[in-house]
PDB file of N, CA and C in Angstrom:
ATOM      1  N   MET A   1       0.849  -1.177   0.000  1.00  0.00           N
ATOM      2  CA  MET A   1       0.000   0.000   0.000  1.00  0.00           C
ATOM      3  C   MET A   1       0.893   1.238   0.000  1.00  0.00           C
ATOM      4  N   PRO A   2       0.650   2.183  -0.900  1.00  0.00           N
ATOM      5  CA  PRO A   2       1.489   3.388  -0.957  1.00  0.00           C
ATOM      6  C   PRO A   2       1.249   4.275   0.271  1.00  0.00           C
ATOM      7  N   ARG A   3       2.309   4.926   0.720  1.00  0.00           N
ATOM      8  CA  ARG A   3       2.242   5.829   1.885  1.00  0.00           C
ATOM      9  C   ARG A   3       1.697   7.184   1.442  1.00  0.00           C
ATOM     10  N   ASN A   4       0.779   7.716   2.226  1.00  0.00           N
ATOM     11  CA  ASN A   4       0.227   9.031   1.954  1.00  0.00           C
ATOM     12  C   ASN A   4       1.127  10.055   2.636  1.00  0.00           C
ATOM     13  N   ASN A   5       1.855  10.839   1.864  1.00  0.00           N
ATOM     14  CA  ASN A   5       2.805  11.802   2.410  1.00  0.00           C
ATOM     15  C   ASN A   5       2.132  13.010   3.048  1.00  0.00           C
ATOM     16  N   ASN A   6       0.809  13.123   2.917  1.00  0.00           N
ATOM     17  CA  ASN A   6       0.086  14.227   3.536  1.00  0.00           C
ATOM     18  C   ASN A   6      -0.264  13.942   4.994  1.00  0.00           C
ATOM     19  N   ILE A   7      -0.091  12.704   5.422  1.00  0.00           N
ATOM     20  CA  ILE A   7      -0.430  12.329   6.794  1.00  0.00           C
ATOM     21  C   ILE A   7       0.754  12.630   7.708  1.00  0.00           C
ATOM     22  N   ARG A   8       0.460  13.344   8.818  1.00  0.00           N
ATOM     23  CA  ARG A   8       1.505  13.663   9.792  1.00  0.00           C
ATOM     24  C   ARG A   8       1.107  13.087  11.137  1.00  0.00           C
ATOM     25  N   THR A   9       2.092  12.805  11.965  1.00  0.00           N
ATOM     26  CA  THR A   9       1.806  12.350  13.316  1.00  0.00           C
ATOM     27  C   THR A   9       1.472  13.544  14.193  1.00  0.00           C
ATOM     28  N   LEU A  10       0.906  13.269  15.344  1.00  0.00           N
ATOM     29  CA  LEU A  10       0.611  14.326  16.302  1.00  0.00           C
ATOM     30  C   LEU A  10       1.899  15.009  16.748  1.00  0.00           C
ATOM     31  N   ASP A  11       2.968  14.235  16.928  1.00  0.00           N
ATOM     32  CA  ASP A  11       4.263  14.822  17.301  1.00  0.00           C
ATOM     33  C   ASP A  11       4.783  15.752  16.208  1.00  0.00           C
ATOM     34  N   ASP A  12       4.618  15.369  14.958  1.00  0.00           N
ATOM     35  CA  ASP A  12       5.032  16.240  13.850  1.00  0.00           C
ATOM     36  C   ASP A  12       4.283  17.565  13.900  1.00  0.00           C
ATOM     37  N   PHE A  13       2.974  17.475  14.119  1.00  0.00           N
ATOM     38  CA  PHE A  13       2.149  18.674  14.201  1.00  0.00           C
ATOM     39  C   PHE A  13       2.592  19.553  15.375  1.00  0.00           C
ATOM     40  N   ALA A  14       2.789  18.934  16.547  1.00  0.00           N
ATOM     41  CA  ALA A  14       3.195  19.692  17.745  1.00  0.00           C
ATOM     42  C   ALA A  14       4.567  20.324  17.542  1.00  0.00           C
ATOM     43  N   ASP A  15       5.497  19.593  16.902  1.00  0.00           N
ATOM     44  CA  ASP A  15       6.819  20.153  16.619  1.00  0.00           C
ATOM     45  C   ASP A  15       6.702  21.414  15.768  1.00  0.00           C
ATOM     46  N   GLU A  16       5.872  21.338  14.756  1.00  0.00           N
ATOM     47  CA  GLU A  16       5.703  22.467  13.847  1.00  0.00           C
ATOM     48  C   GLU A  16       4.984  23.634  14.532  1.00  0.00           C
ATOM     49  N   LYS A  17       3.952  23.321  15.284  1.00  0.00           N
ATOM     50  CA  LYS A  17       3.097  24.362  15.869  1.00  0.00           C
ATOM     51  C   LYS A  17       3.699  24.976  17.144  1.00  0.00           C
ATOM     52  N   PHE A  18       4.344  24.146  17.994  1.00  0.00           N
ATOM     53  CA  PHE A  18       4.788  24.605  19.315  1.00  0.00           C
ATOM     54  C   PHE A  18       6.285  24.471  19.562  1.00  0.00           C
ATOM     55  N   GLY A  19       7.009  23.905  18.615  1.00  0.00           N
ATOM     56  CA  GLY A  19       8.447  23.711  18.791  1.00  0.00           C
ATOM     57  C   GLY A  19       8.767  22.296  19.228  1.00  0.00           C
ATOM     58  N   LYS A  20      10.033  21.968  19.172  1.00  0.00           N
ATOM     59  CA  LYS A  20      10.494  20.622  19.545  1.00  0.00           C
ATOM     60  C   LYS A  20      10.325  20.391  21.041  1.00  0.00           C
ATOM     61  N   ARG A  21      10.227  19.108  21.433  1.00  0.00           N
ATOM     62  CA  ARG A  21      10.168  18.758  22.855  1.00  0.00           C
ATOM     63  C   ARG A  21      11.366  19.373  23.573  1.00  0.00           C
ATOM     64  N   GLY A  22      11.090  19.947  24.741  1.00  0.00           N
ATOM     65  CA  GLY A  22      12.148  20.589  25.512  1.00  0.00           C
ATOM     66  C   GLY A  22      12.181  22.100  25.343  1.00  0.00           C
ATOM     67  N   SER A  23      11.556  22.603  24.281  1.00  0.00           N
ATOM     68  CA  SER A  23      11.507  24.059  24.102  1.00  0.00           C
ATOM     69  C   SER A  23      10.513  24.639  25.110  1.00  0.00           C
ATOM     70  N   VAL A  24      10.702  25.882  25.472  1.00  0.00           N
ATOM     71  CA  VAL A  24       9.847  26.521  26.484  1.00  0.00           C
ATOM     72  C   VAL A  24       8.382  26.482  26.057  1.00  0.00           C
ATOM     73  N   ARG A  25       8.110  26.882  24.837  1.00  0.00           N
ATOM     74  CA  ARG A  25       6.721  26.928  24.373  1.00  0.00           C
ATOM     75  C   ARG A  25       6.079  25.545  24.389  1.00  0.00           C
ATOM     76  N   ARG A  26       6.804  24.538  23.943  1.00  0.00           N
ATOM     77  CA  ARG A  26       6.276  23.170  23.925  1.00  0.00           C
ATOM     78  C   ARG A  26       6.009  22.669  25.339  1.00  0.00           C
ATOM     79  N   GLU A  27       6.901  22.986  26.271  1.00  0.00           N
ATOM     80  CA  GLU A  27       6.718  22.546  27.657  1.00  0.00           C
ATOM     81  C   GLU A  27       5.470  23.174  28.268  1.00  0.00           C
ATOM     82  N   ILE A  28       5.220  24.446  27.965  1.00  0.00           N
ATOM     83  CA  ILE A  28       4.016  25.125  28.479  1.00  0.00           C
ATOM     84  C   ILE A  28       2.762  24.430  27.946  1.00  0.00           C
ATOM     85  N   VAL A  29       2.747  24.128  26.669  1.00  0.00           N
ATOM     86  CA  VAL A  29       1.603  23.462  26.052  1.00  0.00           C
ATOM     87  C   VAL A  29       1.409  22.076  26.659  1.00  0.00           C
ATOM     88  N   GLU A  30       2.488  21.329  26.832  1.00  0.00           N
ATOM     89  CA  GLU A  30       2.366  19.977  27.368  1.00  0.00           C
ATOM     90  C   GLU A  30       1.933  19.988  28.832  1.00  0.00           C
ATOM     91  N   ARG A  31       2.378  20.973  29.610  1.00  0.00           N
ATOM     92  CA  ARG A  31       1.902  21.100  31.001  1.00  0.00           C
ATOM     93  C   ARG A  31       0.409  21.366  31.018  1.00  0.00           C
ATOM     94  N   GLY A  32      -0.043  22.236  30.132  1.00  0.00           N
ATOM     95  CA  GLY A  32      -1.475  22.524  30.029  1.00  0.00           C
ATOM     96  C   GLY A  32      -2.273  21.292  29.674  1.00  0.00           C
ATOM     97  N   PHE A  33      -1.714  20.463  28.797  1.00  0.00           N
ATOM     98  CA  PHE A  33      -2.380  19.219  28.419  1.00  0.00           C
ATOM     99  C   PHE A  33      -2.492  18.288  29.613  1.00  0.00           C
ATOM    100  N   GLU A  34      -1.439  18.184  30.405  1.00  0.00           N
ATOM    101  CA  GLU A  34      -1.475  17.311  31.583  1.00  0.00           C
ATOM    102  C   GLU A  34      -2.543  17.769  32.566  1.00  0.00           C
ATOM    103  N   GLU A  35      -2.697  19.079  32.750  1.00  0.00           N
ATOM    104  CA  GLU A  35      -3.730  19.593  33.647  1.00  0.00           C
ATOM    105  C   GLU A  35      -5.116  19.268  33.092  1.00  0.00           C
ATOM    106  N   PHE A  36      -5.305  19.433  31.797  1.00  0.00           N
ATOM    107  CA  PHE A  36      -6.569  19.086  31.162  1.00  0.00           C
ATOM    108  C   PHE A  36      -6.840  17.601  31.319  1.00  0.00           C
ATOM    109  N   ARG A  37      -5.807  16.810  31.163  1.00  0.00           N
ATOM    110  CA  ARG A  37      -5.934  15.357  31.229  1.00  0.00           C
ATOM    111  C   ARG A  37      -6.420  14.906  32.601  1.00  0.00           C
ATOM    112  N   LEU A  38      -5.988  15.567  33.652  1.00  0.00           N
ATOM    113  CA  LEU A  38      -6.416  15.212  34.997  1.00  0.00           C
ATOM    114  C   LEU A  38      -7.936  15.330  35.120  1.00  0.00           C
ATOM    115  N   GLY A  39      -8.485  16.446  34.693  1.00  0.00           N
ATOM    116  CA  GLY A  39      -9.937  16.622  34.736  1.00  0.00           C
ATOM    117  C   GLY A  39     -10.653  15.589  33.897  1.00  0.00           C
ATOM    118  N   PHE A  40     -10.095  15.293  32.734  1.00  0.00           N
ATOM    119  CA  PHE A  40     -10.684  14.300  31.841  1.00  0.00           C
ATOM    120  C   PHE A  40     -10.675  12.913  32.494  1.00  0.00           C
ATOM    121  N   LEU A  41      -9.572  12.563  33.161  1.00  0.00           N
ATOM    122  CA  LEU A  41      -9.487  11.262  33.831  1.00  0.00           C
ATOM    123  C   LEU A  41     -10.517  11.130  34.945  1.00  0.00           C
ATOM    124  N   ILE A  42     -10.705  12.200  35.700  1.00  0.00           N
ATOM    125  CA  ILE A  42     -11.713  12.178  36.763  1.00  0.00           C
ATOM    126  C   ILE A  42     -13.101  12.009  36.155  1.00  0.00           C
ATOM    127  N   GLN A  43     -13.376  12.758  35.101  1.00  0.00           N
ATOM    128  CA  GLN A  43     -14.674  12.659  34.445  1.00  0.00           C
ATOM    129  C   GLN A  43     -14.919  11.249  33.905  1.00  0.00           C
ATOM    130  N   GLU A  44     -13.935  10.673  33.258  1.00  0.00           N
ATOM    131  CA  GLU A  44     -14.086   9.332  32.704  1.00  0.00           C
ATOM    132  C   GLU A  44     -14.300   8.294  33.801  1.00  0.00           C
ATOM    133  N   ALA A  45     -13.570   8.414  34.903  1.00  0.00           N
ATOM    134  CA  ALA A  45     -13.735   7.481  36.024  1.00  0.00           C
ATOM    135  C   ALA A  45     -15.137   7.616  36.621  1.00  0.00           C
ATOM    136  N   ARG A  46     -15.605   8.843  36.763  1.00  0.00           N
ATOM    137  CA  ARG A  46     -16.948   9.077  37.301  1.00  0.00           C
ATOM    138  C   ARG A  46     -18.000   8.444  36.405  1.00  0.00           C
ATOM    139  N   LYS A  47     -17.884   8.659  35.103  1.00  0.00           N
ATOM    140  CA  LYS A  47     -18.849   8.096  34.161  1.00  0.00           C
ATOM    141  C   LYS A  47     -18.796   6.572  34.162  1.00  0.00           C
ATOM    142  N   LYS A  48     -17.590   6.026  34.253  1.00  0.00           N
ATOM    143  CA  LYS A  48     -17.429   4.572  34.279  1.00  0.00           C
ATOM    144  C   LYS A  48     -18.138   3.973  35.494  1.00  0.00           C
ATOM    145  N   LYS A  49     -18.137   4.717  36.592  1.00  0.00           N
ATOM    146  CA  LYS A  49     -18.829   4.283  37.811  1.00  0.00           C
ATOM    147  C   LYS A  49     -20.331   4.540  37.737  1.00  0.00           C
ATOM    148  N   GLY A  50     -20.771   5.230  36.678  1.00  0.00           N
ATOM    149  CA  GLY A  50     -22.191   5.540  36.520  1.00  0.00           C
ATOM    150  C   GLY A  50     -22.674   6.596  37.505  1.00  0.00           C
ATOM    151  N   MET A  51     -21.778   7.488  37.886  1.00  0.00           N
ATOM    152  CA  MET A  51     -22.102   8.519  38.871  1.00  0.00           C
ATOM    153  C   MET A  51     -22.327   9.864  38.200  1.00  0.00           C
ATOM    154  N   THR A  52     -23.184  10.664  38.824  1.00  0.00           N
ATOM    155  CA  THR A  52     -23.347  12.045  38.397  1.00  0.00           C
ATOM    156  C   THR A  52     -22.310  12.890  39.130  1.00  0.00           C
ATOM    157  N   GLN A  53     -22.131  14.111  38.673  1.00  0.00           N
ATOM    158  CA  GLN A  53     -21.234  15.022  39.381  1.00  0.00           C
ATOM    159  C   GLN A  53     -21.736  15.263  40.800  1.00  0.00           C
ATOM    160  N   GLN A  54     -23.041  15.345  40.962  1.00  0.00           N
ATOM    161  CA  GLN A  54     -23.624  15.557  42.290  1.00  0.00           C
ATOM    162  C   GLN A  54     -23.296  14.386  43.222  1.00  0.00           C
ATOM    163  N   GLU A  55     -23.433  13.174  42.729  1.00  0.00           N
ATOM    164  CA  GLU A  55     -23.132  11.997  43.553  1.00  0.00           C
ATOM    165  C   GLU A  55     -21.658  11.962  43.945  1.00  0.00           C
ATOM    166  N   LEU A  56     -20.782  12.268  42.998  1.00  0.00           N
ATOM    167  CA  LEU A  56     -19.355  12.296  43.293  1.00  0.00           C
ATOM    168  C   LEU A  56     -19.049  13.381  44.319  1.00  0.00           C
ATOM    169  N   ALA A  57     -19.638  14.532  44.140  1.00  0.00           N
ATOM    170  CA  ALA A  57     -19.413  15.642  45.067  1.00  0.00           C
ATOM    171  C   ALA A  57     -19.829  15.266  46.480  1.00  0.00           C
ATOM    172  N   GLU A  58     -20.973  14.645  46.630  1.00  0.00           N
ATOM    173  CA  GLU A  58     -21.457  14.251  47.958  1.00  0.00           C
ATOM    174  C   GLU A  58     -20.506  13.262  48.616  1.00  0.00           C
ATOM    175  N   LYS A  59     -20.045  12.287  47.865  1.00  0.00           N
ATOM    176  CA  LYS A  59     -19.123  11.289  48.427  1.00  0.00           C
ATOM    177  C   LYS A  59     -17.767  11.892  48.771  1.00  0.00           C
ATOM    178  N   ALA A  60     -17.342  12.892  47.995  1.00  0.00           N
ATOM    179  CA  ALA A  60     -16.032  13.504  48.198  1.00  0.00           C
ATOM    180  C   ALA A  60     -16.074  14.669  49.183  1.00  0.00           C
ATOM    181  N   GLY A  61     -17.270  15.063  49.604  1.00  0.00           N
ATOM    182  CA  GLY A  61     -17.394  16.148  50.559  1.00  0.00           C
ATOM    183  C   GLY A  61     -17.213  17.531  49.948  1.00  0.00           C
ATOM    184  N   THR A  62     -17.638  17.677  48.712  1.00  0.00           N
ATOM    185  CA  THR A  62     -17.551  18.974  48.040  1.00  0.00           C
ATOM    186  C   THR A  62     -18.884  19.248  47.357  1.00  0.00           C
ATOM    187  N   ASN A  63     -18.917  20.120  46.372  1.00  0.00           N
ATOM    188  CA  ASN A  63     -20.188  20.384  45.687  1.00  0.00           C
ATOM    189  C   ASN A  63     -20.054  20.140  44.183  1.00  0.00           C
ATOM    190  N   LYS A  64     -21.206  20.033  43.534  1.00  0.00           N
ATOM    191  CA  LYS A  64     -21.254  19.716  42.103  1.00  0.00           C
ATOM    192  C   LYS A  64     -20.493  20.743  41.267  1.00  0.00           C
ATOM    193  N   ALA A  65     -20.634  22.017  41.613  1.00  0.00           N
ATOM    194  CA  ALA A  65     -19.955  23.067  40.843  1.00  0.00           C
ATOM    195  C   ALA A  65     -18.442  22.883  40.883  1.00  0.00           C
ATOM    196  N   TYR A  66     -17.910  22.483  42.038  1.00  0.00           N
ATOM    197  CA  TYR A  66     -16.461  22.263  42.165  1.00  0.00           C
ATOM    198  C   TYR A  66     -16.026  21.097  41.278  1.00  0.00           C
ATOM    199  N   ILE A  67     -16.771  19.997  41.312  1.00  0.00           N
ATOM    200  CA  ILE A  67     -16.439  18.841  40.472  1.00  0.00           C
ATOM    201  C   ILE A  67     -16.467  19.247  39.002  1.00  0.00           C
ATOM    202  N   SER A  68     -17.465  20.008  38.617  1.00  0.00           N
ATOM    203  CA  SER A  68     -17.569  20.472  37.228  1.00  0.00           C
ATOM    204  C   SER A  68     -16.358  21.305  36.843  1.00  0.00           C
ATOM    205  N   ARG A  69     -15.939  22.216  37.705  1.00  0.00           N
ATOM    206  CA  ARG A  69     -14.785  23.071  37.399  1.00  0.00           C
ATOM    207  C   ARG A  69     -13.503  22.257  37.298  1.00  0.00           C
ATOM    208  N   VAL A  70     -13.357  21.240  38.136  1.00  0.00           N
ATOM    209  CA  VAL A  70     -12.170  20.374  38.054  1.00  0.00           C
ATOM    210  C   VAL A  70     -12.188  19.589  36.747  1.00  0.00           C
ATOM    211  N   GLU A  71     -13.328  18.990  36.424  1.00  0.00           N
ATOM    212  CA  GLU A  71     -13.436  18.186  35.200  1.00  0.00           C
ATOM    213  C   GLU A  71     -13.208  19.018  33.945  1.00  0.00           C
ATOM    214  N   ASN A  72     -13.570  20.282  33.991  1.00  0.00           N
ATOM    215  CA  ASN A  72     -13.439  21.144  32.821  1.00  0.00           C
ATOM    216  C   ASN A  72     -12.197  22.015  32.855  1.00  0.00           C
ATOM    217  N   ASP A  73     -11.257  21.686  33.751  1.00  0.00           N
ATOM    218  CA  ASP A  73      -9.972  22.373  33.859  1.00  0.00           C
ATOM    219  C   ASP A  73     -10.125  23.874  34.092  1.00  0.00           C
ATOM    220  N   ILE A  74     -11.126  24.230  34.892  1.00  0.00           N
ATOM    221  CA  ILE A  74     -11.330  25.630  35.232  1.00  0.00           C
ATOM    222  C   ILE A  74     -10.771  25.914  36.618  1.00  0.00           C
ATOM    223  N   LYS A  75     -10.660  24.894  37.433  1.00  0.00           N
ATOM    224  CA  LYS A  75     -10.253  25.043  38.824  1.00  0.00           C
ATOM    225  C   LYS A  75      -9.009  24.207  39.093  1.00  0.00           C
ATOM    226  N   ASP A  76      -7.979  24.844  39.667  1.00  0.00           N
ATOM    227  CA  ASP A  76      -6.834  24.081  40.159  1.00  0.00           C
ATOM    228  C   ASP A  76      -7.286  23.316  41.387  1.00  0.00           C
ATOM    229  N   VAL A  77      -6.813  22.118  41.526  1.00  0.00           N
ATOM    230  CA  VAL A  77      -7.250  21.278  42.636  1.00  0.00           C
ATOM    231  C   VAL A  77      -6.061  20.941  43.531  1.00  0.00           C
ATOM    232  N   ARG A  78      -6.273  21.050  44.831  1.00  0.00           N
ATOM    233  CA  ARG A  78      -5.227  20.679  45.786  1.00  0.00           C
ATOM    234  C   ARG A  78      -5.117  19.160  45.837  1.00  0.00           C
ATOM    235  N   ILE A  79      -3.935  18.680  46.146  1.00  0.00           N
ATOM    236  CA  ILE A  79      -3.724  17.229  46.204  1.00  0.00           C
ATOM    237  C   ILE A  79      -4.629  16.597  47.255  1.00  0.00           C
ATOM    238  N   SER A  80      -4.810  17.250  48.394  1.00  0.00           N
ATOM    239  CA  SER A  80      -5.677  16.684  49.435  1.00  0.00           C
ATOM    240  C   SER A  80      -7.118  16.546  48.936  1.00  0.00           C
ATOM    241  N   THR A  81      -7.592  17.521  48.157  1.00  0.00           N
ATOM    242  CA  THR A  81      -8.944  17.447  47.611  1.00  0.00           C
ATOM    243  C   THR A  81      -9.010  16.410  46.507  1.00  0.00           C
ATOM    244  N   LEU A  82      -7.985  16.349  45.690  1.00  0.00           N
ATOM    245  CA  LEU A  82      -7.924  15.338  44.640  1.00  0.00           C
ATOM    246  C   LEU A  82      -7.977  13.942  45.253  1.00  0.00           C
ATOM    247  N   ARG A  83      -7.270  13.762  46.350  1.00  0.00           N
ATOM    248  CA  ARG A  83      -7.283  12.471  47.036  1.00  0.00           C
ATOM    249  C   ARG A  83      -8.699  12.130  47.503  1.00  0.00           C
ATOM    250  N   LYS A  84      -9.424  13.095  48.053  1.00  0.00           N
ATOM    251  CA  LYS A  84     -10.805  12.851  48.489  1.00  0.00           C
ATOM    252  C   LYS A  84     -11.697  12.474  47.307  1.00  0.00           C
ATOM    253  N   ILE A  85     -11.525  13.180  46.198  1.00  0.00           N
ATOM    254  CA  ILE A  85     -12.329  12.889  45.008  1.00  0.00           C
ATOM    255  C   ILE A  85     -12.063  11.471  44.524  1.00  0.00           C
ATOM    256  N   VAL A  86     -10.788  11.107  44.417  1.00  0.00           N
ATOM    257  CA  VAL A  86     -10.423   9.798  43.879  1.00  0.00           C
ATOM    258  C   VAL A  86     -10.735   8.684  44.869  1.00  0.00           C
ATOM    259  N   GLU A  87     -10.330   8.861  46.117  1.00  0.00           N
ATOM    260  CA  GLU A  87     -10.454   7.768  47.085  1.00  0.00           C
ATOM    261  C   GLU A  87     -11.847   7.685  47.707  1.00  0.00           C
ATOM    262  N   SER A  88     -12.336   8.770  48.271  1.00  0.00           N
ATOM    263  CA  SER A  88     -13.664   8.741  48.908  1.00  0.00           C
ATOM    264  C   SER A  88     -14.783   8.767  47.873  1.00  0.00           C
ATOM    265  N   GLY A  89     -14.607   9.595  46.862  1.00  0.00           N
ATOM    266  CA  GLY A  89     -15.659   9.756  45.865  1.00  0.00           C
ATOM    267  C   GLY A  89     -15.752   8.613  44.875  1.00  0.00           C
ATOM    268  N   LEU A  90     -14.613   8.212  44.334  1.00  0.00           N
ATOM    269  CA  LEU A  90     -14.601   7.193  43.277  1.00  0.00           C
ATOM    270  C   LEU A  90     -14.223   5.800  43.777  1.00  0.00           C
ATOM    271  N   GLY A  91     -13.741   5.728  45.018  1.00  0.00           N
ATOM    272  CA  GLY A  91     -13.334   4.429  45.548  1.00  0.00           C
ATOM    273  C   GLY A  91     -12.045   3.918  44.932  1.00  0.00           C
ATOM    274  N   GLY A  92     -11.223   4.841  44.428  1.00  0.00           N
ATOM    275  CA  GLY A  92      -9.969   4.458  43.782  1.00  0.00           C
ATOM    276  C   GLY A  92      -8.781   4.763  44.670  1.00  0.00           C
ATOM    277  N   LYS A  93      -7.621   4.749  44.075  1.00  0.00           N
ATOM    278  CA  LYS A  93      -6.381   5.057  44.791  1.00  0.00           C
ATOM    279  C   LYS A  93      -5.623   6.079  43.970  1.00  0.00           C
ATOM    280  N   LEU A  94      -5.223   7.180  44.616  1.00  0.00           N
ATOM    281  CA  LEU A  94      -4.461   8.217  43.930  1.00  0.00           C
ATOM    282  C   LEU A  94      -2.988   7.845  43.958  1.00  0.00           C
ATOM    283  N   GLU A  95      -2.364   7.869  42.801  1.00  0.00           N
ATOM    284  CA  GLU A  95      -0.939   7.622  42.701  1.00  0.00           C
ATOM    285  C   GLU A  95      -0.311   8.800  41.987  1.00  0.00           C
ATOM    286  N   LEU A  96       0.734   9.363  42.578  1.00  0.00           N
ATOM    287  CA  LEU A  96       1.457  10.471  41.984  1.00  0.00           C
ATOM    288  C   LEU A  96       2.882  10.022  41.676  1.00  0.00           C
ATOM    289  N   ALA A  97       3.482  10.621  40.699  1.00  0.00           N
ATOM    290  CA  ALA A  97       4.854  10.276  40.347  1.00  0.00           C
ATOM    291  C   ALA A  97       5.628  11.548  40.023  1.00  0.00           C
ATOM    292  N   VAL A  98       6.891  11.525  40.352  1.00  0.00           N
ATOM    293  CA  VAL A  98       7.798  12.593  39.973  1.00  0.00           C
ATOM    294  C   VAL A  98       8.820  11.977  39.037  1.00  0.00           C
ATOM    295  N   LYS A  99       8.923  12.512  37.844  1.00  0.00           N
ATOM    296  CA  LYS A  99       9.872  11.984  36.860  1.00  0.00           C
ATOM    297  C   LYS A  99      11.011  12.965  36.710  1.00  0.00           C
ATOM    298  N   LEU A 100      12.225  12.476  36.781  1.00  0.00           N
ATOM    299  CA  LEU A 100      13.414  13.309  36.620  1.00  0.00           C
ATOM    300  C   LEU A 100      14.138  12.962  35.337  1.00  0.00           C
TER     301      LEU A 100
END
């Protein structure tokens, strides 16, 4: 099958649009993606459990508006609150990693 030279990878696109990995601009974009990803992961876990934002909020000891802001990357979340959302609210385990 012939290769379509018009097809680019996501990394190719990001290199062109934001610079190579390690550049300041690329790092800012990738940090933003990681923050967005956190909210998305919480939302996906909540949906997988068949829970509403209200139900998750009640179990985690917060309110629906806060859960919505976290899921939509509008609100920075403290690790202690994130732990409550994941562990008390979703019944999961929060794992953090530092990569050097």
